[in-house]
Amino acid sequence: MLANIADVIEAHHENYDGTGYAGLKGEDIPLAARIIAVADVFDALLSDRPYRKSIGVFNALDNIVHASGSRFDPKAVESLRCIINRGGEEVVAEVLAGAGRMLPVNV
């Protein structure tokens, strides 16, 4: 089991179009890694950083949608879009609250 988790962690930096570290492409990237890649970037864009503030839910989604098919698996991106469209800010706020964070003001 740990070997599979290590593979997913390593592969979540692969780009869907094959331009990542190891050159894995599309379906060759483990599904869990493709999902985590989208979730990781979404979380990073919602987080305040020393060099920038959160860009908000909908701007983060727009950034990820823009990279769909190149950096991210289009199906994983569409799943995120469906989650956001279904529950909007409330869904994200609930997820962030579960992680001990607050929804950024500039959603």
N, C-alpha and C. Protein backbone atom coordinates (compact mmCIF):
# COMPACT_ATOMS: atom_id res chain seq x y z
N MET A 1 0.82 -1.20 0.00
CA MET A 1 0.00 0.00 0.00
C MET A 1 0.87 1.27 0.00
N LEU A 2 1.91 1.29 0.83
CA LEU A 2 2.75 2.49 0.89
C LEU A 2 3.45 2.76 -0.43
N ALA A 3 3.80 1.72 -1.17
CA ALA A 3 4.43 1.92 -2.48
C ALA A 3 3.47 2.62 -3.41
N ASN A 4 2.20 2.25 -3.38
CA ASN A 4 1.20 2.91 -4.22
C ASN A 4 1.03 4.37 -3.84
N ILE A 5 1.03 4.64 -2.55
CA ILE A 5 0.90 6.02 -2.08
C ILE A 5 2.11 6.84 -2.52
N ALA A 6 3.28 6.27 -2.41
CA ALA A 6 4.50 6.97 -2.84
C ALA A 6 4.44 7.27 -4.33
N ASP A 7 3.94 6.33 -5.13
CA ASP A 7 3.81 6.55 -6.57
C ASP A 7 2.86 7.71 -6.87
N VAL A 8 1.76 7.77 -6.13
CA VAL A 8 0.77 8.84 -6.32
C VAL A 8 1.38 10.19 -5.93
N ILE A 9 2.06 10.21 -4.81
CA ILE A 9 2.67 11.47 -4.36
C ILE A 9 3.69 11.95 -5.39
N GLU A 10 4.51 11.04 -5.88
CA GLU A 10 5.51 11.41 -6.87
C GLU A 10 4.87 11.88 -8.17
N ALA A 11 3.81 11.20 -8.59
CA ALA A 11 3.20 11.48 -9.90
C ALA A 11 2.28 12.69 -9.88
N HIS A 12 1.93 13.24 -8.72
CA HIS A 12 0.98 14.35 -8.73
C HIS A 12 1.59 15.63 -9.31
N HIS A 13 2.88 15.63 -9.56
CA HIS A 13 3.51 16.78 -10.23
C HIS A 13 3.67 16.57 -11.73
N GLU A 14 3.19 15.45 -12.23
CA GLU A 14 3.22 15.22 -13.67
C GLU A 14 2.15 16.09 -14.34
N ASN A 15 2.43 16.51 -15.55
CA ASN A 15 1.44 17.27 -16.32
C ASN A 15 0.70 16.33 -17.25
N TYR A 16 -0.58 16.56 -17.40
CA TYR A 16 -1.43 15.69 -18.20
C TYR A 16 -0.91 15.55 -19.63
N ASP A 17 -0.29 16.60 -20.16
CA ASP A 17 0.20 16.56 -21.54
C ASP A 17 1.58 15.93 -21.68
N GLY A 18 2.14 15.42 -20.57
CA GLY A 18 3.41 14.71 -20.62
C GLY A 18 4.63 15.56 -20.39
N THR A 19 4.45 16.83 -20.03
CA THR A 19 5.59 17.73 -19.84
C THR A 19 6.07 17.80 -18.40
N GLY A 20 5.70 16.83 -17.58
CA GLY A 20 6.11 16.82 -16.17
C GLY A 20 7.49 16.24 -15.98
N TYR A 21 7.81 15.94 -14.72
CA TYR A 21 9.14 15.47 -14.35
C TYR A 21 9.54 14.18 -15.05
N ALA A 22 8.70 13.16 -14.96
CA ALA A 22 9.04 11.84 -15.51
C ALA A 22 8.48 11.66 -16.92
N GLY A 23 7.70 12.61 -17.39
CA GLY A 23 7.14 12.52 -18.73
C GLY A 23 5.94 11.60 -18.84
N LEU A 24 5.35 11.21 -17.69
CA LEU A 24 4.11 10.44 -17.77
C LEU A 24 3.04 11.32 -18.41
N LYS A 25 2.15 10.70 -19.15
CA LYS A 25 1.15 11.46 -19.90
C LYS A 25 -0.23 10.85 -19.75
N GLY A 26 -1.23 11.71 -19.63
CA GLY A 26 -2.63 11.30 -19.64
C GLY A 26 -2.94 10.17 -18.69
N GLU A 27 -3.51 9.09 -19.23
CA GLU A 27 -3.96 7.96 -18.42
C GLU A 27 -2.80 7.18 -17.80
N ASP A 28 -1.57 7.43 -18.24
CA ASP A 28 -0.41 6.77 -17.62
C ASP A 28 -0.14 7.32 -16.22
N ILE A 29 -0.63 8.51 -15.95
CA ILE A 29 -0.52 9.11 -14.62
C ILE A 29 -1.61 8.46 -13.76
N PRO A 30 -1.27 7.95 -12.58
CA PRO A 30 -2.31 7.33 -11.74
C PRO A 30 -3.47 8.31 -11.50
N LEU A 31 -4.69 7.77 -11.53
CA LEU A 31 -5.88 8.59 -11.35
C LEU A 31 -5.81 9.41 -10.07
N ALA A 32 -5.41 8.78 -8.97
CA ALA A 32 -5.32 9.51 -7.70
C ALA A 32 -4.36 10.69 -7.82
N ALA A 33 -3.27 10.53 -8.55
CA ALA A 33 -2.31 11.62 -8.73
C ALA A 33 -2.91 12.75 -9.55
N ARG A 34 -3.72 12.41 -10.56
CA ARG A 34 -4.37 13.44 -11.37
C ARG A 34 -5.37 14.24 -10.55
N ILE A 35 -6.07 13.57 -9.66
CA ILE A 35 -7.03 14.24 -8.78
C ILE A 35 -6.30 15.11 -7.77
N ILE A 36 -5.26 14.57 -7.16
CA ILE A 36 -4.49 15.31 -6.16
C ILE A 36 -3.82 16.53 -6.79
N ALA A 37 -3.38 16.42 -8.02
CA ALA A 37 -2.76 17.57 -8.70
C ALA A 37 -3.71 18.75 -8.75
N VAL A 38 -4.96 18.49 -9.11
CA VAL A 38 -5.97 19.56 -9.17
C VAL A 38 -6.26 20.09 -7.77
N ALA A 39 -6.45 19.19 -6.82
CA ALA A 39 -6.76 19.60 -5.45
C ALA A 39 -5.61 20.39 -4.82
N ASP A 40 -4.39 19.97 -5.09
CA ASP A 40 -3.22 20.63 -4.53
C ASP A 40 -3.11 22.07 -5.03
N VAL A 41 -3.27 22.27 -6.32
CA VAL A 41 -3.18 23.62 -6.88
C VAL A 41 -4.36 24.47 -6.42
N PHE A 42 -5.56 23.88 -6.37
CA PHE A 42 -6.72 24.62 -5.89
C PHE A 42 -6.48 25.11 -4.46
N ASP A 43 -6.00 24.21 -3.62
CA ASP A 43 -5.70 24.59 -2.23
C ASP A 43 -4.63 25.67 -2.17
N ALA A 44 -3.59 25.53 -2.99
CA ALA A 44 -2.51 26.53 -2.99
C ALA A 44 -3.02 27.90 -3.42
N LEU A 45 -3.88 27.93 -4.43
CA LEU A 45 -4.41 29.21 -4.91
C LEU A 45 -5.36 29.85 -3.90
N LEU A 46 -5.97 29.04 -3.04
CA LEU A 46 -6.86 29.58 -2.00
C LEU A 46 -6.12 29.99 -0.74
N SER A 47 -4.85 29.63 -0.66
CA SER A 47 -4.06 29.91 0.54
C SER A 47 -3.29 31.22 0.40
N ASP A 48 -3.29 31.99 1.47
CA ASP A 48 -2.42 33.17 1.51
C ASP A 48 -0.98 32.69 1.55
N ARG A 49 -0.14 33.34 0.80
CA ARG A 49 1.29 33.05 0.77
C ARG A 49 2.03 34.32 1.14
N PRO A 50 3.28 34.21 1.55
CA PRO A 50 4.03 35.43 1.88
C PRO A 50 4.13 36.38 0.70
N TYR A 51 4.09 35.86 -0.52
CA TYR A 51 4.28 36.67 -1.71
C TYR A 51 2.98 37.05 -2.41
N ARG A 52 1.82 36.51 -1.93
CA ARG A 52 0.53 36.89 -2.51
C ARG A 52 -0.60 36.40 -1.62
N LYS A 53 -1.73 37.05 -1.75
CA LYS A 53 -2.93 36.65 -1.04
C LYS A 53 -3.68 35.60 -1.86
N SER A 54 -4.62 34.95 -1.22
CA SER A 54 -5.50 34.01 -1.92
C SER A 54 -6.15 34.71 -3.10
N ILE A 55 -6.34 33.98 -4.19
CA ILE A 55 -7.00 34.60 -5.34
C ILE A 55 -8.50 34.33 -5.34
N GLY A 56 -9.00 33.58 -4.37
CA GLY A 56 -10.43 33.33 -4.27
C GLY A 56 -10.86 32.11 -5.07
N VAL A 57 -12.01 31.59 -4.69
CA VAL A 57 -12.53 30.34 -5.24
C VAL A 57 -12.70 30.40 -6.75
N PHE A 58 -13.39 31.39 -7.23
CA PHE A 58 -13.73 31.40 -8.65
C PHE A 58 -12.54 31.75 -9.54
N ASN A 59 -11.64 32.60 -9.06
CA ASN A 59 -10.41 32.86 -9.80
C ASN A 59 -9.53 31.63 -9.82
N ALA A 60 -9.47 30.92 -8.71
CA ALA A 60 -8.69 29.67 -8.66
C ALA A 60 -9.25 28.66 -9.65
N LEU A 61 -10.57 28.53 -9.66
CA LEU A 61 -11.20 27.60 -10.60
C LEU A 61 -10.90 28.01 -12.04
N ASP A 62 -10.99 29.30 -12.34
CA ASP A 62 -10.67 29.77 -13.69
C ASP A 62 -9.24 29.41 -14.09
N ASN A 63 -8.29 29.59 -13.18
CA ASN A 63 -6.90 29.25 -13.47
C ASN A 63 -6.74 27.77 -13.78
N ILE A 64 -7.42 26.94 -13.02
CA ILE A 64 -7.32 25.49 -13.22
C ILE A 64 -8.01 25.09 -14.52
N VAL A 65 -9.17 25.66 -14.80
CA VAL A 65 -9.87 25.36 -16.05
C VAL A 65 -9.01 25.74 -17.24
N HIS A 66 -8.31 26.86 -17.14
CA HIS A 66 -7.44 27.31 -18.22
C HIS A 66 -6.33 26.30 -18.52
N ALA A 67 -5.89 25.56 -17.49
CA ALA A 67 -4.82 24.58 -17.67
C ALA A 67 -5.34 23.16 -17.91
N SER A 68 -6.64 23.03 -18.07
CA SER A 68 -7.24 21.72 -18.33
C SER A 68 -6.76 21.19 -19.67
N GLY A 69 -6.31 19.93 -19.67
CA GLY A 69 -5.84 19.31 -20.90
C GLY A 69 -4.35 19.46 -21.10
N SER A 70 -3.75 20.47 -20.49
CA SER A 70 -2.30 20.61 -20.58
C SER A 70 -1.68 20.19 -19.25
N ARG A 71 -1.94 20.94 -18.22
CA ARG A 71 -1.38 20.60 -16.91
C ARG A 71 -2.25 19.58 -16.18
N PHE A 72 -3.57 19.70 -16.35
CA PHE A 72 -4.50 18.88 -15.56
C PHE A 72 -5.38 18.00 -16.43
N ASP A 73 -5.79 16.87 -15.84
CA ASP A 73 -6.74 15.95 -16.46
C ASP A 73 -8.09 16.67 -16.60
N PRO A 74 -8.61 16.78 -17.80
CA PRO A 74 -9.89 17.46 -17.99
C PRO A 74 -11.03 16.87 -17.15
N LYS A 75 -11.02 15.57 -16.92
CA LYS A 75 -12.09 14.96 -16.10
C LYS A 75 -11.97 15.38 -14.65
N ALA A 76 -10.75 15.48 -14.13
CA ALA A 76 -10.55 15.94 -12.76
C ALA A 76 -10.95 17.40 -12.62
N VAL A 77 -10.63 18.20 -13.63
CA VAL A 77 -11.01 19.61 -13.62
C VAL A 77 -12.53 19.74 -13.66
N GLU A 78 -13.17 18.97 -14.51
CA GLU A 78 -14.64 19.03 -14.61
C GLU A 78 -15.29 18.59 -13.30
N SER A 79 -14.71 17.63 -12.62
CA SER A 79 -15.24 17.21 -11.32
C SER A 79 -15.16 18.34 -10.31
N LEU A 80 -14.03 19.04 -10.28
CA LEU A 80 -13.90 20.20 -9.38
C LEU A 80 -14.93 21.25 -9.74
N ARG A 81 -15.08 21.52 -11.04
CA ARG A 81 -16.05 22.53 -11.47
C ARG A 81 -17.47 22.15 -11.03
N CYS A 82 -17.82 20.88 -11.14
CA CYS A 82 -19.15 20.43 -10.72
C CYS A 82 -19.35 20.61 -9.22
N ILE A 83 -18.31 20.30 -8.44
CA ILE A 83 -18.41 20.47 -6.99
C ILE A 83 -18.62 21.93 -6.65
N ILE A 84 -17.85 22.81 -7.26
CA ILE A 84 -17.97 24.24 -6.98
C ILE A 84 -19.33 24.76 -7.44
N ASN A 85 -19.75 24.37 -8.64
CA ASN A 85 -21.04 24.84 -9.16
C ASN A 85 -22.22 24.31 -8.34
N ARG A 86 -22.09 23.12 -7.80
CA ARG A 86 -23.17 22.53 -7.01
C ARG A 86 -23.33 23.25 -5.68
N GLY A 87 -22.21 23.53 -5.02
CA GLY A 87 -22.31 24.11 -3.69
C GLY A 87 -21.62 25.43 -3.54
N GLY A 88 -20.90 25.84 -4.54
CA GLY A 88 -20.25 27.14 -4.52
C GLY A 88 -19.37 27.36 -3.31
N GLU A 89 -19.44 28.55 -2.82
CA GLU A 89 -18.58 28.96 -1.71
C GLU A 89 -18.84 28.14 -0.46
N GLU A 90 -20.09 27.68 -0.26
CA GLU A 90 -20.39 26.91 0.95
C GLU A 90 -19.61 25.61 1.00
N VAL A 91 -19.48 24.94 -0.15
CA VAL A 91 -18.73 23.68 -0.20
C VAL A 91 -17.27 23.94 0.13
N VAL A 92 -16.70 24.95 -0.48
CA VAL A 92 -15.29 25.26 -0.22
C VAL A 92 -15.10 25.68 1.22
N ALA A 93 -16.00 26.49 1.75
CA ALA A 93 -15.90 26.92 3.15
C ALA A 93 -15.96 25.73 4.09
N GLU A 94 -16.82 24.78 3.79
CA GLU A 94 -16.95 23.58 4.61
C GLU A 94 -15.66 22.75 4.57
N VAL A 95 -15.09 22.60 3.40
CA VAL A 95 -13.84 21.85 3.26
C VAL A 95 -12.72 22.55 4.02
N LEU A 96 -12.61 23.85 3.85
CA LEU A 96 -11.56 24.60 4.52
C LEU A 96 -11.75 24.58 6.03
N ALA A 97 -12.99 24.67 6.50
CA ALA A 97 -13.25 24.62 7.93
C ALA A 97 -12.81 23.28 8.51
N GLY A 98 -13.03 22.22 7.74
CA GLY A 98 -12.59 20.90 8.18
C GLY A 98 -11.08 20.81 8.27
N ALA A 99 -10.40 21.64 7.50
CA ALA A 99 -8.93 21.68 7.53
C ALA A 99 -8.43 22.75 8.49
N GLY A 100 -9.35 23.38 9.23
CA GLY A 100 -8.95 24.38 10.21
C GLY A 100 -8.66 25.74 9.61
N ARG A 101 -9.18 26.01 8.41
CA ARG A 101 -8.94 27.29 7.76
C ARG A 101 -10.26 27.98 7.48
N MET A 102 -10.17 29.25 7.15
CA MET A 102 -11.34 30.04 6.82
C MET A 102 -11.35 30.34 5.33
N LEU A 103 -12.55 30.55 4.77
CA LEU A 103 -12.68 30.93 3.38
C LEU A 103 -12.14 32.33 3.19
N PRO A 104 -11.29 32.55 2.21
CA PRO A 104 -10.76 33.90 1.97
C PRO A 104 -11.87 34.90 1.68
N VAL A 105 -11.65 36.12 2.07
CA VAL A 105 -12.65 37.17 1.87
C VAL A 105 -12.90 37.45 0.40
N ASN A 106 -11.89 37.35 -0.45
CA ASN A 106 -12.03 37.74 -1.84
C ASN A 106 -12.47 36.58 -2.72
N VAL A 107 -13.52 35.88 -2.34
CA VAL A 107 -14.04 34.80 -3.17
C VAL A 107 -14.70 35.45 -4.34
